[in-house]
Amino acid sequence: MAALFHRLVDRRGEPVPFTIDGEPASAQRGDLLITALLLQRATLRRFEFGDAHRAGFCLMAACQDCWVLLADGRRVRACSTVVEPGMAVLVEGDGPG
């Protein structure tokens, strides 16, 4: 699947390495998790109540559609969480719930 987002302007600085389901990924400093994920994927996560996929809805931390699970057990809103070096995002598991 192709990425949903496309970066129009690159910011300067070192890339921020993180993983998506154990696969290496990279973001730019200051990227929100939803941006970093959707620059590399067509969807954010699987819907926890069926086979559908979710891509975020409001993109401003109001709708709760972008919750994702991190490997350290945290459940975070992708649209308001800045990517941290070494962050491990779990998307294809049982969902964030």
PDB file of N, CA and C in Angstrom:
ATOM      1  N   MET A   1       0.822  -1.184   0.000  1.00  0.00           N
ATOM      2  CA  MET A   1       0.000   0.000   0.000  1.00  0.00           C
ATOM      3  C   MET A   1       0.866   1.247   0.000  1.00  0.00           C
ATOM      4  N   ALA A   2       0.480   2.219  -0.770  1.00  0.00           N
ATOM      5  CA  ALA A   2       1.224   3.472  -0.840  1.00  0.00           C
ATOM      6  C   ALA A   2       0.934   4.322   0.389  1.00  0.00           C
ATOM      7  N   ALA A   3       1.845   5.224   0.671  1.00  0.00           N
ATOM      8  CA  ALA A   3       1.664   6.135   1.803  1.00  0.00           C
ATOM      9  C   ALA A   3       0.472   7.052   1.570  1.00  0.00           C
ATOM     10  N   LEU A   4      -0.201   7.424   2.644  1.00  0.00           N
ATOM     11  CA  LEU A   4      -1.342   8.332   2.545  1.00  0.00           C
ATOM     12  C   LEU A   4      -0.879   9.784   2.464  1.00  0.00           C
ATOM     13  N   PHE A   5       0.154  10.144   3.232  1.00  0.00           N
ATOM     14  CA  PHE A   5       0.690  11.503   3.229  1.00  0.00           C
ATOM     15  C   PHE A   5       1.939  11.569   2.364  1.00  0.00           C
ATOM     16  N   HIS A   6       2.238  12.767   1.870  1.00  0.00           N
ATOM     17  CA  HIS A   6       3.475  13.034   1.138  1.00  0.00           C
ATOM     18  C   HIS A   6       4.046  14.334   1.673  1.00  0.00           C
ATOM     19  N   ARG A   7       5.312  14.308   2.064  1.00  0.00           N
ATOM     20  CA  ARG A   7       5.954  15.496   2.630  1.00  0.00           C
ATOM     21  C   ARG A   7       6.229  16.493   1.510  1.00  0.00           C
ATOM     22  N   LEU A   8       5.800  17.735   1.705  1.00  0.00           N
ATOM     23  CA  LEU A   8       6.014  18.775   0.705  1.00  0.00           C
ATOM     24  C   LEU A   8       7.333  19.501   0.900  1.00  0.00           C
ATOM     25  N   VAL A   9       7.756  19.660   2.169  1.00  0.00           N
ATOM     26  CA  VAL A   9       8.993  20.364   2.470  1.00  0.00           C
ATOM     27  C   VAL A   9       9.746  19.581   3.536  1.00  0.00           C
ATOM     28  N   ASP A  10      11.007  19.267   3.256  1.00  0.00           N
ATOM     29  CA  ASP A  10      11.839  18.593   4.257  1.00  0.00           C
ATOM     30  C   ASP A  10      12.428  19.626   5.203  1.00  0.00           C
ATOM     31  N   ARG A  11      12.429  19.289   6.493  1.00  0.00           N
ATOM     32  CA  ARG A  11      13.087  20.135   7.481  1.00  0.00           C
ATOM     33  C   ARG A  11      14.507  19.624   7.666  1.00  0.00           C
ATOM     34  N   ARG A  12      15.378  20.496   8.037  1.00  0.00           N
ATOM     35  CA  ARG A  12      16.768  20.104   8.283  1.00  0.00           C
ATOM     36  C   ARG A  12      16.886  19.402   9.617  1.00  0.00           C
ATOM     37  N   GLY A  13      17.920  18.609   9.731  1.00  0.00           N
ATOM     38  CA  GLY A  13      18.187  17.932  10.993  1.00  0.00           C
ATOM     39  C   GLY A  13      18.345  16.442  10.787  1.00  0.00           C
ATOM     40  N   GLU A  14      18.834  15.816  11.832  1.00  0.00           N
ATOM     41  CA  GLU A  14      19.049  14.379  11.798  1.00  0.00           C
ATOM     42  C   GLU A  14      17.716  13.640  11.778  1.00  0.00           C
ATOM     43  N   PRO A  15      17.631  12.536  11.051  1.00  0.00           N
ATOM     44  CA  PRO A  15      16.415  11.731  11.088  1.00  0.00           C
ATOM     45  C   PRO A  15      16.219  11.116  12.475  1.00  0.00           C
ATOM     46  N   VAL A  16      14.979  10.847  12.807  1.00  0.00           N
ATOM     47  CA  VAL A  16      14.636  10.237  14.089  1.00  0.00           C
ATOM     48  C   VAL A  16      14.242   8.788  13.810  1.00  0.00           C
ATOM     49  N   PRO A  17      15.080   7.819  14.213  1.00  0.00           N
ATOM     50  CA  PRO A  17      14.754   6.420  13.952  1.00  0.00           C
ATOM     51  C   PRO A  17      13.707   5.896  14.933  1.00  0.00           C
ATOM     52  N   PHE A  18      12.781   5.100  14.414  1.00  0.00           N
ATOM     53  CA  PHE A  18      11.790   4.418  15.237  1.00  0.00           C
ATOM     54  C   PHE A  18      11.387   3.155  14.493  1.00  0.00           C
ATOM     55  N   THR A  19      10.529   2.345  15.061  1.00  0.00           N
ATOM     56  CA  THR A  19      10.086   1.136  14.364  1.00  0.00           C
ATOM     57  C   THR A  19       8.562   1.075  14.321  1.00  0.00           C
ATOM     58  N   ILE A  20       8.071   0.435  13.274  1.00  0.00           N
ATOM     59  CA  ILE A  20       6.647   0.151  13.118  1.00  0.00           C
ATOM     60  C   ILE A  20       6.534  -1.366  13.011  1.00  0.00           C
ATOM     61  N   ASP A  21       5.957  -1.980  14.015  1.00  0.00           N
ATOM     62  CA  ASP A  21       5.844  -3.442  14.060  1.00  0.00           C
ATOM     63  C   ASP A  21       7.193  -4.120  13.843  1.00  0.00           C
ATOM     64  N   GLY A  22       8.233  -3.552  14.457  1.00  0.00           N
ATOM     65  CA  GLY A  22       9.565  -4.129  14.390  1.00  0.00           C
ATOM     66  C   GLY A  22      10.358  -3.768  13.148  1.00  0.00           C
ATOM     67  N   GLU A  23       9.729  -3.105  12.187  1.00  0.00           N
ATOM     68  CA  GLU A  23      10.428  -2.709  10.959  1.00  0.00           C
ATOM     69  C   GLU A  23      11.008  -1.306  11.127  1.00  0.00           C
ATOM     70  N   PRO A  24      12.235  -1.085  10.675  1.00  0.00           N
ATOM     71  CA  PRO A  24      12.845   0.239  10.820  1.00  0.00           C
ATOM     72  C   PRO A  24      12.060   1.303  10.049  1.00  0.00           C
ATOM     73  N   ALA A  25      11.962   2.466  10.643  1.00  0.00           N
ATOM     74  CA  ALA A  25      11.306   3.614  10.017  1.00  0.00           C
ATOM     75  C   ALA A  25      12.068   4.863  10.441  1.00  0.00           C
ATOM     76  N   SER A  26      11.754   5.970   9.799  1.00  0.00           N
ATOM     77  CA  SER A  26      12.441   7.211  10.096  1.00  0.00           C
ATOM     78  C   SER A  26      11.462   8.374  10.002  1.00  0.00           C
ATOM     79  N   ALA A  27      11.647   9.336  10.890  1.00  0.00           N
ATOM     80  CA  ALA A  27      10.837  10.556  10.887  1.00  0.00           C
ATOM     81  C   ALA A  27      11.786  11.743  10.911  1.00  0.00           C
ATOM     82  N   GLN A  28      11.231  12.916  10.760  1.00  0.00           N
ATOM     83  CA  GLN A  28      12.025  14.127  10.933  1.00  0.00           C
ATOM     84  C   GLN A  28      11.749  14.682  12.328  1.00  0.00           C
ATOM     85  N   ARG A  29      12.748  15.341  12.891  1.00  0.00           N
ATOM     86  CA  ARG A  29      12.592  15.920  14.225  1.00  0.00           C
ATOM     87  C   ARG A  29      11.340  16.788  14.253  1.00  0.00           C
ATOM     88  N   GLY A  30      10.516  16.572  15.283  1.00  0.00           N
ATOM     89  CA  GLY A  30       9.292  17.343  15.441  1.00  0.00           C
ATOM     90  C   GLY A  30       8.060  16.734  14.805  1.00  0.00           C
ATOM     91  N   ASP A  31       8.243  15.656  14.031  1.00  0.00           N
ATOM     92  CA  ASP A  31       7.084  15.003  13.414  1.00  0.00           C
ATOM     93  C   ASP A  31       6.178  14.406  14.471  1.00  0.00           C
ATOM     94  N   LEU A  32       4.887  14.561  14.270  1.00  0.00           N
ATOM     95  CA  LEU A  32       3.925  13.830  15.085  1.00  0.00           C
ATOM     96  C   LEU A  32       3.886  12.395  14.605  1.00  0.00           C
ATOM     97  N   LEU A  33       3.520  11.498  15.473  1.00  0.00           N
ATOM     98  CA  LEU A  33       3.494  10.082  15.136  1.00  0.00           C
ATOM     99  C   LEU A  33       2.561   9.803  13.960  1.00  0.00           C
ATOM    100  N   ILE A  34       1.412  10.462  13.905  1.00  0.00           N
ATOM    101  CA  ILE A  34       0.484  10.217  12.803  1.00  0.00           C
ATOM    102  C   ILE A  34       1.125  10.596  11.461  1.00  0.00           C
ATOM    103  N   THR A  35       1.879  11.682  11.442  1.00  0.00           N
ATOM    104  CA  THR A  35       2.561  12.097  10.214  1.00  0.00           C
ATOM    105  C   THR A  35       3.601  11.067   9.814  1.00  0.00           C
ATOM    106  N   ALA A  36       4.423  10.658  10.773  1.00  0.00           N
ATOM    107  CA  ALA A  36       5.484   9.690  10.488  1.00  0.00           C
ATOM    108  C   ALA A  36       4.907   8.370   9.985  1.00  0.00           C
ATOM    109  N   LEU A  37       3.822   7.920  10.588  1.00  0.00           N
ATOM    110  CA  LEU A  37       3.208   6.660  10.163  1.00  0.00           C
ATOM    111  C   LEU A  37       2.581   6.778   8.781  1.00  0.00           C
ATOM    112  N   LEU A  38       1.826   7.843   8.546  1.00  0.00           N
ATOM    113  CA  LEU A  38       1.114   7.965   7.278  1.00  0.00           C
ATOM    114  C   LEU A  38       2.002   8.412   6.123  1.00  0.00           C
ATOM    115  N   LEU A  39       3.221   8.838   6.420  1.00  0.00           N
ATOM    116  CA  LEU A  39       4.197   9.064   5.355  1.00  0.00           C
ATOM    117  C   LEU A  39       4.741   7.734   4.820  1.00  0.00           C
ATOM    118  N   GLN A  40       4.533   6.654   5.587  1.00  0.00           N
ATOM    119  CA  GLN A  40       5.084   5.363   5.219  1.00  0.00           C
ATOM    120  C   GLN A  40       4.025   4.301   4.955  1.00  0.00           C
ATOM    121  N   ARG A  41       2.766   4.608   5.307  1.00  0.00           N
ATOM    122  CA  ARG A  41       1.693   3.621   5.191  1.00  0.00           C
ATOM    123  C   ARG A  41       0.418   4.308   4.724  1.00  0.00           C
ATOM    124  N   ALA A  42      -0.515   3.533   4.227  1.00  0.00           N
ATOM    125  CA  ALA A  42      -1.808   4.081   3.807  1.00  0.00           C
ATOM    126  C   ALA A  42      -2.796   4.169   4.961  1.00  0.00           C
ATOM    127  N   THR A  43      -2.520   3.448   6.044  1.00  0.00           N
ATOM    128  CA  THR A  43      -3.418   3.475   7.196  1.00  0.00           C
ATOM    129  C   THR A  43      -2.618   3.608   8.477  1.00  0.00           C
ATOM    130  N   LEU A  44      -3.297   4.043   9.502  1.00  0.00           N
ATOM    131  CA  LEU A  44      -2.657   4.232  10.794  1.00  0.00           C
ATOM    132  C   LEU A  44      -2.645   2.940  11.600  1.00  0.00           C
ATOM    133  N   ARG A  45      -3.806   2.302  11.674  1.00  0.00           N
ATOM    134  CA  ARG A  45      -3.933   1.085  12.477  1.00  0.00           C
ATOM    135  C   ARG A  45      -5.175   0.330  12.031  1.00  0.00           C
ATOM    136  N   ARG A  46      -5.305  -0.884  12.548  1.00  0.00           N
ATOM    137  CA  ARG A  46      -6.525  -1.664  12.311  1.00  0.00           C
ATOM    138  C   ARG A  46      -7.595  -1.244  13.309  1.00  0.00           C
ATOM    139  N   PHE A  47      -8.830  -1.297  12.879  1.00  0.00           N
ATOM    140  CA  PHE A  47      -9.975  -1.034  13.744  1.00  0.00           C
ATOM    141  C   PHE A  47     -10.115  -2.206  14.700  1.00  0.00           C
ATOM    142  N   GLU A  48     -10.243  -1.917  15.985  1.00  0.00           N
ATOM    143  CA  GLU A  48     -10.260  -3.007  16.966  1.00  0.00           C
ATOM    144  C   GLU A  48     -11.543  -3.826  16.967  1.00  0.00           C
ATOM    145  N   PHE A  49     -12.585  -3.371  16.260  1.00  0.00           N
ATOM    146  CA  PHE A  49     -13.862  -4.091  16.257  1.00  0.00           C
ATOM    147  C   PHE A  49     -14.204  -4.695  14.905  1.00  0.00           C
ATOM    148  N   GLY A  50     -13.218  -4.901  14.045  1.00  0.00           N
ATOM    149  CA  GLY A  50     -13.476  -5.480  12.735  1.00  0.00           C
ATOM    150  C   GLY A  50     -12.234  -5.469  11.870  1.00  0.00           C
ATOM    151  N   ASP A  51     -12.428  -5.711  10.592  1.00  0.00           N
ATOM    152  CA  ASP A  51     -11.303  -5.806   9.658  1.00  0.00           C
ATOM    153  C   ASP A  51     -10.921  -4.478   9.024  1.00  0.00           C
ATOM    154  N   ALA A  52     -11.634  -3.416   9.322  1.00  0.00           N
ATOM    155  CA  ALA A  52     -11.370  -2.112   8.709  1.00  0.00           C
ATOM    156  C   ALA A  52     -10.051  -1.529   9.213  1.00  0.00           C
ATOM    157  N   HIS A  53      -9.536  -0.586   8.475  1.00  0.00           N
ATOM    158  CA  HIS A  53      -8.328   0.136   8.859  1.00  0.00           C
ATOM    159  C   HIS A  53      -8.687   1.580   9.144  1.00  0.00           C
ATOM    160  N   ARG A  54      -7.936   2.210  10.033  1.00  0.00           N
ATOM    161  CA  ARG A  54      -8.180   3.589  10.439  1.00  0.00           C
ATOM    162  C   ARG A  54      -7.002   4.456  10.017  1.00  0.00           C
ATOM    163  N   ALA A  55      -7.284   5.725   9.716  1.00  0.00           N
ATOM    164  CA  ALA A  55      -6.226   6.653   9.328  1.00  0.00           C
ATOM    165  C   ALA A  55      -6.298   7.951  10.110  1.00  0.00           C
ATOM    166  N   GLY A  56      -6.963   7.948  11.240  1.00  0.00           N
ATOM    167  CA  GLY A  56      -7.167   9.187  11.983  1.00  0.00           C
ATOM    168  C   GLY A  56      -8.369   9.915  11.402  1.00  0.00           C
ATOM    169  N   PHE A  57      -8.994  10.748  12.185  1.00  0.00           N
ATOM    170  CA  PHE A  57     -10.198  11.427  11.717  1.00  0.00           C
ATOM    171  C   PHE A  57     -10.059  12.940  11.820  1.00  0.00           C
ATOM    172  N   CYS A  58      -9.890  13.436  13.035  1.00  0.00           N
ATOM    173  CA  CYS A  58      -9.887  14.892  13.225  1.00  0.00           C
ATOM    174  C   CYS A  58      -8.491  15.504  13.102  1.00  0.00           C
ATOM    175  N   LEU A  59      -7.456  14.712  13.362  1.00  0.00           N
ATOM    176  CA  LEU A  59      -6.049  15.140  13.323  1.00  0.00           C
ATOM    177  C   LEU A  59      -5.726  16.259  14.311  1.00  0.00           C
ATOM    178  N   MET A  60      -6.539  16.391  15.381  1.00  0.00           N
ATOM    179  CA  MET A  60      -6.273  17.420  16.389  1.00  0.00           C
ATOM    180  C   MET A  60      -6.571  16.942  17.811  1.00  0.00           C
ATOM    181  N   ALA A  61      -6.502  15.649  18.052  1.00  0.00           N
ATOM    182  CA  ALA A  61      -6.634  15.049  19.385  1.00  0.00           C
ATOM    183  C   ALA A  61      -8.008  15.219  20.013  1.00  0.00           C
ATOM    184  N   ALA A  62      -9.044  15.234  19.196  1.00  0.00           N
ATOM    185  CA  ALA A  62     -10.398  15.360  19.739  1.00  0.00           C
ATOM    186  C   ALA A  62     -11.233  14.092  19.555  1.00  0.00           C
ATOM    187  N   CYS A  63     -10.986  13.331  18.505  1.00  0.00           N
ATOM    188  CA  CYS A  63     -11.895  12.231  18.172  1.00  0.00           C
ATOM    189  C   CYS A  63     -11.486  10.876  18.742  1.00  0.00           C
ATOM    190  N   GLN A  64     -10.255  10.711  19.138  1.00  0.00           N
ATOM    191  CA  GLN A  64      -9.735   9.456  19.682  1.00  0.00           C
ATOM    192  C   GLN A  64      -9.658   8.324  18.662  1.00  0.00           C
ATOM    193  N   ASP A  65      -9.589   8.657  17.381  1.00  0.00           N
ATOM    194  CA  ASP A  65      -9.511   7.650  16.329  1.00  0.00           C
ATOM    195  C   ASP A  65      -8.076   7.210  16.045  1.00  0.00           C
ATOM    196  N   CYS A  66      -7.102   7.916  16.588  1.00  0.00           N
ATOM    197  CA  CYS A  66      -5.711   7.637  16.229  1.00  0.00           C
ATOM    198  C   CYS A  66      -4.900   6.982  17.342  1.00  0.00           C
ATOM    199  N   TRP A  67      -5.563   6.398  18.340  1.00  0.00           N
ATOM    200  CA  TRP A  67      -4.820   5.716  19.406  1.00  0.00           C
ATOM    201  C   TRP A  67      -3.961   4.603  18.818  1.00  0.00           C
ATOM    202  N   VAL A  68      -2.712   4.534  19.238  1.00  0.00           N
ATOM    203  CA  VAL A  68      -1.824   3.431  18.872  1.00  0.00           C
ATOM    204  C   VAL A  68      -1.128   2.935  20.135  1.00  0.00           C
ATOM    205  N   LEU A  69      -0.641   1.734  20.082  1.00  0.00           N
ATOM    206  CA  LEU A  69       0.056   1.121  21.205  1.00  0.00           C
ATOM    207  C   LEU A  69       1.549   1.166  20.954  1.00  0.00           C
ATOM    208  N   LEU A  70       2.304   1.517  21.984  1.00  0.00           N
ATOM    209  CA  LEU A  70       3.762   1.480  21.910  1.00  0.00           C
ATOM    210  C   LEU A  70       4.254   0.218  22.607  1.00  0.00           C
ATOM    211  N   ALA A  71       5.415  -0.253  22.218  1.00  0.00           N
ATOM    212  CA  ALA A  71       5.954  -1.493  22.772  1.00  0.00           C
ATOM    213  C   ALA A  71       6.180  -1.408  24.274  1.00  0.00           C
ATOM    214  N   ASP A  72       6.348  -0.200  24.802  1.00  0.00           N
ATOM    215  CA  ASP A  72       6.550  -0.066  26.244  1.00  0.00           C
ATOM    216  C   ASP A  72       5.231  -0.084  27.023  1.00  0.00           C
ATOM    217  N   GLY A  73       4.122  -0.321  26.327  1.00  0.00           N
ATOM    218  CA  GLY A  73       2.822  -0.441  26.971  1.00  0.00           C
ATOM    219  C   GLY A  73       1.979   0.818  26.952  1.00  0.00           C
ATOM    220  N   ARG A  74       2.571   1.938  26.569  1.00  0.00           N
ATOM    221  CA  ARG A  74       1.791   3.175  26.509  1.00  0.00           C
ATOM    222  C   ARG A  74       0.806   3.135  25.340  1.00  0.00           C
ATOM    223  N   ARG A  75      -0.356   3.687  25.576  1.00  0.00           N
ATOM    224  CA  ARG A  75      -1.361   3.885  24.541  1.00  0.00           C
ATOM    225  C   ARG A  75      -1.406   5.391  24.306  1.00  0.00           C
ATOM    226  N   VAL A  76      -1.099   5.842  23.082  1.00  0.00           N
ATOM    227  CA  VAL A  76      -0.970   7.271  22.816  1.00  0.00           C
ATOM    228  C   VAL A  76      -1.799   7.678  21.604  1.00  0.00           C
ATOM    229  N   ARG A  77      -2.155   8.943  21.571  1.00  0.00           N
ATOM    230  CA  ARG A  77      -2.795   9.508  20.377  1.00  0.00           C
ATOM    231  C   ARG A  77      -1.698   9.859  19.387  1.00  0.00           C
ATOM    232  N   ALA A  78      -1.760   9.269  18.227  1.00  0.00           N
ATOM    233  CA  ALA A  78      -0.719   9.509  17.224  1.00  0.00           C
ATOM    234  C   ALA A  78      -0.712  10.953  16.738  1.00  0.00           C
ATOM    235  N   CYS A  79      -1.852  11.630  16.797  1.00  0.00           N
ATOM    236  CA  CYS A  79      -1.924  12.994  16.267  1.00  0.00           C
ATOM    237  C   CYS A  79      -1.412  14.043  17.244  1.00  0.00           C
ATOM    238  N   SER A  80      -1.072  13.649  18.465  1.00  0.00           N
ATOM    239  CA  SER A  80      -0.546  14.630  19.414  1.00  0.00           C
ATOM    240  C   SER A  80       0.720  14.138  20.120  1.00  0.00           C
ATOM    241  N   THR A  81       1.333  13.083  19.598  1.00  0.00           N
ATOM    242  CA  THR A  81       2.543  12.510  20.185  1.00  0.00           C
ATOM    243  C   THR A  81       3.710  12.703  19.224  1.00  0.00           C
ATOM    244  N   VAL A  82       4.750  13.370  19.681  1.00  0.00           N
ATOM    245  CA  VAL A  82       5.947  13.591  18.866  1.00  0.00           C
ATOM    246  C   VAL A  82       6.765  12.305  18.837  1.00  0.00           C
ATOM    247  N   VAL A  83       7.278  11.953  17.669  1.00  0.00           N
ATOM    248  CA  VAL A  83       8.117  10.757  17.529  1.00  0.00           C
ATOM    249  C   VAL A  83       9.400  10.949  18.328  1.00  0.00           C
ATOM    250  N   GLU A  84       9.753   9.942  19.109  1.00  0.00           N
ATOM    251  CA  GLU A  84      10.970   9.944  19.903  1.00  0.00           C
ATOM    252  C   GLU A  84      11.935   8.914  19.325  1.00  0.00           C
ATOM    253  N   PRO A  85      13.239   9.172  19.396  1.00  0.00           N
ATOM    254  CA  PRO A  85      14.209   8.193  18.910  1.00  0.00           C
ATOM    255  C   PRO A  85      13.998   6.845  19.602  1.00  0.00           C
ATOM    256  N   GLY A  86      13.969   5.791  18.824  1.00  0.00           N
ATOM    257  CA  GLY A  86      13.826   4.450  19.365  1.00  0.00           C
ATOM    258  C   GLY A  86      12.404   4.040  19.701  1.00  0.00           C
ATOM    259  N   MET A  87      11.434   4.925  19.467  1.00  0.00           N
ATOM    260  CA  MET A  87      10.033   4.602  19.751  1.00  0.00           C
ATOM    261  C   MET A  87       9.642   3.368  18.937  1.00  0.00           C
ATOM    262  N   ALA A  88       8.940   2.444  19.576  1.00  0.00           N
ATOM    263  CA  ALA A  88       8.492   1.215  18.900  1.00  0.00           C
ATOM    264  C   ALA A  88       6.974   1.210  18.872  1.00  0.00           C
ATOM    265  N   VAL A  89       6.409   1.368  17.681  1.00  0.00           N
ATOM    266  CA  VAL A  89       4.967   1.442  17.494  1.00  0.00           C
ATOM    267  C   VAL A  89       4.447   0.078  17.066  1.00  0.00           C
ATOM    268  N   LEU A  90       3.375  -0.349  17.708  1.00  0.00           N
ATOM    269  CA  LEU A  90       2.743  -1.633  17.372  1.00  0.00           C
ATOM    270  C   LEU A  90       1.413  -1.346  16.699  1.00  0.00           C
ATOM    271  N   VAL A  91       1.308  -1.705  15.422  1.00  0.00           N
ATOM    272  CA  VAL A  91       0.123  -1.395  14.646  1.00  0.00           C
ATOM    273  C   VAL A  91      -0.683  -2.646  14.323  1.00  0.00           C
ATOM    274  N   GLU A  92      -0.028  -3.701  13.966  1.00  0.00           N
ATOM    275  CA  GLU A  92      -0.720  -4.891  13.452  1.00  0.00           C
ATOM    276  C   GLU A  92      -1.123  -5.890  14.532  1.00  0.00           C
ATOM    277  N   GLY A  93      -0.942  -5.549  15.771  1.00  0.00           N
ATOM    278  CA  GLY A  93      -1.333  -6.464  16.855  1.00  0.00           C
ATOM    279  C   GLY A  93      -2.834  -6.499  17.043  1.00  0.00           C
ATOM    280  N   ASP A  94      -3.259  -6.675  18.262  1.00  0.00           N
ATOM    281  CA  ASP A  94      -4.677  -6.777  18.573  1.00  0.00           C
ATOM    282  C   ASP A  94      -5.362  -5.431  18.674  1.00  0.00           C
ATOM    283  N   GLY A  95      -4.682  -4.345  18.354  1.00  0.00           N
ATOM    284  CA  GLY A  95      -5.295  -3.025  18.456  1.00  0.00           C
ATOM    285  C   GLY A  95      -4.886  -2.359  19.752  1.00  0.00           C
ATOM    286  N   PRO A  96      -5.204  -1.085  19.878  1.00  0.00           N
ATOM    287  CA  PRO A  96      -4.742  -0.310  21.019  1.00  0.00           C
ATOM    288  C   PRO A  96      -5.616  -0.442  22.239  1.00  0.00           C
ATOM    289  N   GLY A  97      -6.678  -1.184  22.182  1.00  0.00           N
ATOM    290  CA  GLY A  97      -7.638  -1.169  23.246  1.00  0.00           C
ATOM    291  C   GLY A  97      -7.359  -2.056  24.371  1.00  0.00           C
TER     292      GLY A  97
END
